[in-house]
Amino acid sequence: MHSRKLGEFEVSALGLGCMSMSQSYGEADRSESERALHRALDVGYTMLDTASLYGFEHNEKLIGETLKDRRHEYILASKCGNFRDKETGKRTVDGRPEKIREICEQSLRNLQTDVIDLYYLHRLDPKVPIEESMGALSDLVKEGKIRAIGLSEVSSETIRKAQTVHPLTAVQSEYSLWTRIPELKVLATCHELGITFVPFSPLGRGFLTGKLKDMSKVGEDDLRLSMPRFLGGNFEQNLGLLNEYENIASDNNCTPAQLALAWLLSKDETVVPIPGTKHVTYIEENAAAGDIKLSPAAMQRLDQLINDDTVQGDRYNETFMKMMDSENDRVST
């Protein structure tokens, strides 16, 4: 797999999103996750992405315990500001400086490391000015507990405010063929300011792999059962996009999943997508996408087939959409 720049770091063109090893897409499988983490490093992934929230610390502990002897082989990214409240058990967004420091110390213990390479504010806390949260993250850099700062799911306006406090290394948001929100302003802002953009869910939460065609077969706690584009008539209409999409994959001698990743890598040479999986097979399949070159004609076919106008349904339900700080929310409200 070729490499790309991520601020001061050089990383594999694809990183590994680790969330699904702990939550949201079926039960956790410890042994398979351990094999997947080791295999990822063996085939060339050099960035792993986790968060305090994932599995409510389970994911960080999994990585820390599994890869403690291989810590020098990868760039480690984690996140704060979005966690489970220990008193209420509820998911809580909290960007206060004291909470950021508390969660960072917790993450360092869970990950069994002295420093986190890239530390994101997972969600913007509407009650706390971004400048205050950034001040706390900047202090952690000065203390050597984190090396670089990122933001997740934020608008271009928030990025610019944050940048006045401390340089940002990365901005992470959902971005794929069927989620184009970053194209409104965020990608251009990142280019202007020299910030690497990190797309999460680049496989459309499994839809773009072509393997998810019957929602009745997913577990009752599957996150996608709360997402409008996976439900009812929306999902049925979206399935209609897959026949031609799979034809394009066949024409390019790749799998549908590889096609989705190759589209992103070809779309922008500065992005570093982080497809998530807990299976060794998909670790290997996704890694091969880094070597696929798509022609301008193939890119045009994909852009015309799957985009904001052809995909039905919001990416999150109303409750989650209200938590987003994005240009899409600003345009629609």
Protein backbone atom coordinates (compact mmCIF):
# COMPACT_ATOMS: atom_id res chain seq x y z
CA MET A 1 0.00 0.00 0.00
CA HIS A 2 1.36 3.45 -0.86
CA SER A 3 1.73 6.11 1.81
CA ARG A 4 0.33 9.61 2.31
CA LYS A 5 1.14 12.55 4.54
CA LEU A 6 -0.90 13.15 7.68
CA GLY A 7 0.57 16.31 9.12
CA GLU A 8 4.01 15.41 10.43
CA PHE A 9 3.30 11.70 9.97
CA GLU A 10 3.63 9.43 6.96
CA VAL A 11 0.90 6.78 7.01
CA SER A 12 -0.57 4.11 4.77
CA ALA A 13 -3.07 5.50 2.24
CA LEU A 14 -5.78 3.59 4.12
CA GLY A 15 -5.98 3.53 7.88
CA LEU A 16 -8.01 1.04 9.90
CA GLY A 17 -11.17 2.12 11.72
CA CYS A 18 -11.48 -0.13 14.77
CA MET A 19 -14.96 0.74 16.12
CA SER A 20 -16.75 -2.31 14.73
CA MET A 21 -14.49 -4.57 16.80
CA SER A 22 -16.38 -3.32 19.86
CA GLN A 23 -19.84 -2.05 18.90
CA SER A 24 -22.56 -1.10 16.42
CA TYR A 25 -22.28 -3.92 13.86
CA GLY A 26 -22.88 -7.18 15.69
CA GLU A 27 -21.25 -8.85 18.66
CA ALA A 28 -17.58 -8.39 19.41
CA ASP A 29 -15.35 -11.35 18.59
CA ARG A 30 -12.15 -11.03 20.62
CA SER A 31 -10.09 -13.67 18.84
CA GLU A 32 -11.03 -12.48 15.33
CA SER A 33 -10.38 -8.87 16.29
CA GLU A 34 -6.94 -9.76 17.62
CA ARG A 35 -6.10 -11.58 14.40
CA ALA A 36 -7.43 -8.66 12.35
CA LEU A 37 -5.31 -6.11 14.23
CA HIS A 38 -2.13 -8.13 13.73
CA ARG A 39 -2.96 -8.85 10.09
CA ALA A 40 -3.57 -5.16 9.44
CA LEU A 41 -0.04 -4.31 10.52
CA ASP A 42 1.36 -7.27 8.59
CA VAL A 43 -0.20 -6.15 5.26
CA GLY A 44 0.79 -2.51 5.58
CA TYR A 45 -1.76 -0.48 7.55
CA THR A 46 0.20 2.03 9.63
CA MET A 47 -2.62 4.03 11.23
CA LEU A 48 -5.24 2.70 13.65
CA ASP A 49 -8.26 4.79 14.65
CA THR A 50 -10.16 4.29 17.90
CA ALA A 51 -11.97 6.37 20.56
CA SER A 52 -12.80 6.33 24.23
CA LEU A 53 -16.46 5.98 23.24
CA TYR A 54 -16.08 2.78 21.20
CA GLY A 55 -17.45 -0.04 23.30
CA PHE A 56 -17.16 2.35 26.24
CA GLU A 57 -13.36 1.89 26.53
CA HIS A 58 -13.43 -1.70 25.23
CA ASN A 59 -11.87 -0.73 21.90
CA GLU A 60 -8.94 1.16 23.37
CA LYS A 61 -8.25 -1.68 25.81
CA LEU A 62 -8.41 -4.21 22.96
CA ILE A 63 -5.75 -2.33 20.99
CA GLY A 64 -3.59 -1.68 24.03
CA GLU A 65 -3.62 -5.31 25.12
CA THR A 66 -3.29 -6.82 21.65
CA LEU A 67 -0.63 -4.58 20.16
CA LYS A 68 1.39 -3.41 23.17
CA ASP A 69 4.49 -5.12 21.76
CA ARG A 70 3.97 -3.55 18.30
CA ARG A 71 3.26 0.04 19.36
CA HIS A 72 6.22 1.32 17.33
CA GLU A 73 4.70 0.00 14.09
CA TYR A 74 1.69 2.32 13.75
CA ILE A 75 0.35 5.83 14.21
CA LEU A 76 -2.31 5.76 16.91
CA ALA A 77 -5.41 7.97 16.72
CA SER A 78 -8.03 8.22 19.44
CA LYS A 79 -10.75 10.65 20.48
CA CYS A 80 -12.21 12.46 23.48
CA GLY A 81 -15.27 14.59 24.18
CA ASN A 82 -17.84 11.87 23.48
CA PHE A 83 -18.14 9.19 26.13
CA ARG A 84 -20.44 7.27 28.46
CA ASP A 85 -21.25 9.01 31.71
CA LYS A 86 -20.30 6.60 34.51
CA GLU A 87 -23.16 7.80 36.72
CA THR A 88 -26.03 7.72 34.22
CA GLY A 89 -24.66 5.25 31.67
CA LYS A 90 -25.74 7.63 28.89
CA ARG A 91 -23.67 8.82 25.96
CA THR A 92 -22.49 12.35 26.75
CA VAL A 93 -20.77 15.07 24.74
CA ASP A 94 -18.44 17.08 26.97
CA GLY A 95 -15.72 19.37 25.62
CA ARG A 96 -14.75 21.02 28.90
CA PRO A 97 -10.97 21.23 29.41
CA GLU A 98 -11.06 19.23 32.64
CA LYS A 99 -13.04 16.42 30.99
CA ILE A 100 -10.71 16.34 27.97
CA ARG A 101 -7.74 15.89 30.31
CA GLU A 102 -9.53 13.21 32.33
CA ILE A 103 -10.44 11.17 29.26
CA CYS A 104 -6.95 11.54 27.77
CA GLU A 105 -5.37 10.12 30.93
CA GLN A 106 -7.88 7.27 30.85
CA SER A 107 -7.11 6.57 27.20
CA LEU A 108 -3.38 6.51 27.78
CA ARG A 109 -3.92 3.81 30.41
CA ASN A 110 -6.31 1.83 28.22
CA LEU A 111 -4.00 1.99 25.20
CA GLN A 112 -0.94 1.13 27.30
CA THR A 113 1.08 3.93 25.75
CA ASP A 114 2.88 7.07 26.87
CA VAL A 115 1.61 9.20 23.98
CA ILE A 116 -1.29 9.27 21.52
CA ASP A 117 -0.09 10.39 18.09
CA LEU A 118 -3.32 12.02 16.88
CA TYR A 119 -6.04 13.01 19.35
CA TYR A 120 -9.42 14.19 18.09
CA LEU A 121 -12.23 16.08 19.74
CA HIS A 122 -14.89 13.53 18.81
CA ARG A 123 -17.84 15.91 18.74
CA LEU A 124 -18.23 19.64 19.23
CA ASP A 125 -19.79 20.49 22.57
CA PRO A 126 -22.30 23.30 21.86
CA LYS A 127 -21.97 24.46 25.47
CA VAL A 128 -18.20 24.95 25.28
CA PRO A 129 -16.46 27.34 22.85
CA ILE A 130 -14.18 25.38 20.53
CA GLU A 131 -11.33 27.69 21.57
CA GLU A 132 -11.57 26.37 25.15
CA SER A 133 -11.51 22.73 24.06
CA MET A 134 -8.59 23.43 21.73
CA GLY A 135 -6.73 25.14 24.55
CA ALA A 136 -6.90 21.95 26.61
CA LEU A 137 -5.73 19.84 23.66
CA SER A 138 -2.88 22.27 23.03
CA ASP A 139 -1.78 21.88 26.65
CA LEU A 140 -1.70 18.11 26.19
CA VAL A 141 0.59 18.57 23.20
CA LYS A 142 2.92 20.74 25.27
CA GLU A 143 2.99 18.09 27.98
CA GLY A 144 3.90 15.37 25.47
CA LYS A 145 0.77 13.30 26.07
CA ILE A 146 -0.48 13.75 22.51
CA ARG A 147 1.47 14.69 19.38
CA ALA A 148 -1.17 16.23 17.14
CA ILE A 149 -4.77 17.47 17.27
CA GLY A 150 -7.78 16.64 15.13
CA LEU A 151 -11.50 17.40 15.04
CA SER A 152 -14.36 15.09 14.08
CA GLU A 153 -17.69 15.98 12.40
CA VAL A 154 -17.25 19.77 12.41
CA SER A 155 -18.10 22.63 10.07
CA SER A 156 -15.64 24.82 8.19
CA GLU A 157 -16.42 27.67 10.59
CA THR A 158 -15.42 25.54 13.59
CA ILE A 159 -12.23 24.43 11.82
CA ARG A 160 -11.19 28.03 11.27
CA LYS A 161 -11.87 28.99 14.90
CA ALA A 162 -9.92 26.00 16.18
CA GLN A 163 -6.98 26.74 13.91
CA THR A 164 -6.45 30.12 15.60
CA VAL A 165 -5.60 28.32 18.85
CA HIS A 166 -3.38 25.49 17.59
CA PRO A 167 -2.65 24.00 14.16
CA LEU A 168 -4.92 21.10 13.26
CA THR A 169 -3.39 17.98 11.74
CA ALA A 170 -6.61 16.25 10.68
CA VAL A 171 -10.35 16.63 10.35
CA GLN A 172 -12.44 13.47 10.32
CA SER A 173 -16.00 13.16 8.97
CA GLU A 174 -18.15 10.68 7.14
CA TYR A 175 -17.37 10.79 3.42
CA SER A 176 -18.08 8.32 0.65
CA LEU A 177 -19.88 8.07 -2.67
CA TRP A 178 -23.20 8.32 -0.85
CA THR A 179 -22.27 10.89 1.80
CA ARG A 180 -20.91 14.05 0.15
CA ILE A 181 -21.35 16.65 2.91
CA PRO A 182 -17.61 17.45 3.17
CA GLU A 183 -17.66 18.56 -0.48
CA LEU A 184 -19.77 21.58 0.50
CA LYS A 185 -17.02 23.45 2.35
CA VAL A 186 -14.93 21.28 4.66
CA LEU A 187 -12.67 19.70 2.05
CA ALA A 188 -11.83 23.08 0.54
CA THR A 189 -11.12 24.51 4.00
CA CYS A 190 -8.79 21.61 4.81
CA HIS A 191 -6.92 22.11 1.53
CA GLU A 192 -6.56 25.82 2.21
CA LEU A 193 -5.24 25.32 5.74
CA GLY A 194 -3.06 22.28 5.02
CA ILE A 195 -5.15 19.88 7.12
CA THR A 196 -5.45 16.22 6.16
CA PHE A 197 -9.02 15.01 5.73
CA VAL A 198 -9.82 11.55 7.12
CA PRO A 199 -13.04 9.99 5.75
CA PHE A 200 -14.75 7.54 8.08
CA SER A 201 -17.41 5.07 6.90
CA PRO A 202 -15.94 5.21 3.36
CA LEU A 203 -17.86 2.01 2.56
CA GLY A 204 -21.21 3.59 3.39
CA ARG A 205 -21.52 1.51 6.58
CA GLY A 206 -21.35 -1.63 4.46
CA PHE A 207 -23.81 -0.60 1.76
CA LEU A 208 -21.08 0.02 -0.81
CA THR A 209 -19.64 -3.46 -0.31
CA GLY A 210 -22.73 -4.89 -2.02
CA LYS A 211 -23.06 -7.45 0.78
CA LEU A 212 -25.89 -5.77 2.69
CA LYS A 213 -29.10 -6.29 0.76
CA ASP A 214 -31.47 -7.56 3.46
CA MET A 215 -31.79 -5.51 6.63
CA SER A 216 -33.83 -8.26 8.30
CA LYS A 217 -30.59 -10.23 8.69
CA VAL A 218 -28.75 -7.72 10.85
CA GLY A 219 -28.83 -7.90 14.65
CA GLU A 220 -31.42 -5.92 16.58
CA ASP A 221 -28.71 -3.70 18.11
CA ASP A 222 -27.18 -2.85 14.72
CA LEU A 223 -26.62 0.90 14.43
CA ARG A 224 -27.97 0.98 10.88
CA LEU A 225 -31.48 0.15 12.09
CA SER A 226 -31.66 3.75 13.34
CA MET A 227 -30.49 5.29 10.05
CA PRO A 228 -33.19 6.42 7.59
CA ARG A 229 -31.32 5.43 4.42
CA PHE A 230 -31.26 1.79 5.57
CA LEU A 231 -34.98 1.64 6.31
CA GLY A 232 -38.17 0.94 4.37
CA GLY A 233 -38.69 2.58 1.02
CA ASN A 234 -35.43 4.51 1.28
CA PHE A 235 -33.43 1.30 1.47
CA GLU A 236 -35.35 -0.31 -1.36
CA GLN A 237 -34.65 2.66 -3.63
CA ASN A 238 -31.00 2.73 -2.64
CA LEU A 239 -30.65 -0.96 -3.47
CA GLY A 240 -31.58 -0.03 -7.02
CA LEU A 241 -28.22 1.72 -7.35
CA LEU A 242 -26.22 -1.44 -6.76
CA ASN A 243 -26.69 -3.25 -10.07
CA GLU A 244 -24.89 -0.60 -12.10
CA TYR A 245 -22.43 -0.02 -9.27
CA GLU A 246 -21.47 -3.68 -9.28
CA ASN A 247 -21.12 -3.54 -13.07
CA ILE A 248 -18.60 -0.71 -12.68
CA ALA A 249 -16.67 -2.78 -10.14
CA SER A 250 -16.61 -5.72 -12.55
CA ASP A 251 -15.41 -3.47 -15.37
CA ASN A 252 -12.50 -2.40 -13.16
CA ASN A 253 -11.64 -5.92 -11.99
CA CYS A 254 -12.26 -5.17 -8.34
CA THR A 255 -14.82 -5.82 -5.62
CA PRO A 256 -17.52 -3.24 -4.81
CA ALA A 257 -15.73 -2.42 -1.54
CA GLN A 258 -12.44 -1.84 -3.34
CA LEU A 259 -14.24 0.36 -5.87
CA ALA A 260 -15.61 2.62 -3.13
CA LEU A 261 -12.16 3.03 -1.58
CA ALA A 262 -10.45 3.53 -4.94
CA TRP A 263 -12.98 6.28 -5.74
CA LEU A 264 -12.02 8.18 -2.58
CA LEU A 265 -8.29 7.71 -3.10
CA SER A 266 -8.61 8.87 -6.71
CA LYS A 267 -10.93 11.75 -5.81
CA ASP A 268 -8.40 13.48 -3.56
CA GLU A 269 -4.73 12.61 -3.16
CA THR A 270 -4.62 14.20 0.30
CA VAL A 271 -7.33 12.16 2.03
CA VAL A 272 -6.65 9.11 4.23
CA PRO A 273 -9.82 6.97 4.47
CA ILE A 274 -10.27 4.63 7.45
CA PRO A 275 -12.52 1.72 6.44
CA GLY A 276 -13.61 -0.25 9.47
CA THR A 277 -13.82 -4.01 9.85
CA LYS A 278 -13.24 -6.75 12.40
CA HIS A 279 -12.55 -9.50 9.85
CA VAL A 280 -9.18 -10.56 8.50
CA THR A 281 -10.66 -11.22 5.04
CA TYR A 282 -11.87 -7.64 4.69
CA ILE A 283 -8.62 -6.25 6.11
CA GLU A 284 -6.85 -7.87 3.17
CA GLU A 285 -9.52 -6.99 0.58
CA ASN A 286 -9.58 -3.32 1.54
CA ALA A 287 -5.80 -3.01 1.58
CA ALA A 288 -5.66 -4.03 -2.10
CA ALA A 289 -7.78 -0.99 -3.03
CA GLY A 290 -4.73 1.19 -2.55
CA ASP A 291 -3.28 -0.16 -5.80
CA ILE A 292 -6.37 0.42 -7.98
CA LYS A 293 -6.31 3.29 -10.45
CA LEU A 294 -9.66 4.50 -11.77
CA SER A 295 -9.96 6.25 -15.11
CA PRO A 296 -11.68 9.63 -15.43
CA ALA A 297 -14.52 7.85 -17.23
CA ALA A 298 -15.01 5.43 -14.33
CA MET A 299 -14.95 8.30 -11.83
CA GLN A 300 -17.60 10.12 -13.85
CA ARG A 301 -19.83 7.04 -13.99
CA LEU A 302 -19.63 6.66 -10.23
CA ASP A 303 -20.27 10.34 -9.51
CA GLN A 304 -23.35 10.32 -11.71
CA LEU A 305 -24.69 7.08 -10.27
CA ILE A 306 -24.33 7.62 -6.51
CA ASN A 307 -24.53 11.11 -5.02
CA ASP A 308 -26.63 13.29 -2.73
CA ASP A 309 -29.41 13.51 -5.31
CA THR A 310 -29.70 9.78 -5.99
CA VAL A 311 -29.39 8.47 -2.42
CA GLN A 312 -32.59 8.42 -0.38
CA GLY A 313 -32.71 9.20 3.36
CA ASP A 314 -30.59 11.08 5.89
CA ARG A 315 -27.43 9.47 7.21
CA TYR A 316 -28.58 9.76 10.84
CA ASN A 317 -31.94 9.96 12.57
CA GLU A 318 -33.22 13.30 13.81
CA THR A 319 -31.70 12.95 17.30
CA PHE A 320 -28.21 12.33 15.95
CA MET A 321 -28.52 14.98 13.25
CA LYS A 322 -29.07 17.58 15.96
CA MET A 323 -25.67 16.64 17.42
CA MET A 324 -23.85 17.38 14.16
CA ASP A 325 -21.88 20.54 13.47
CA SER A 326 -21.81 20.40 9.69
CA GLU A 327 -22.59 22.49 6.64
CA ASN A 328 -25.45 20.14 5.84
CA ASP A 329 -27.21 20.94 9.10
CA ARG A 330 -26.58 24.65 8.61
CA VAL A 331 -28.04 24.56 5.12
CA SER A 332 -31.16 22.63 6.10
CA THR A 333 -32.09 24.62 9.21
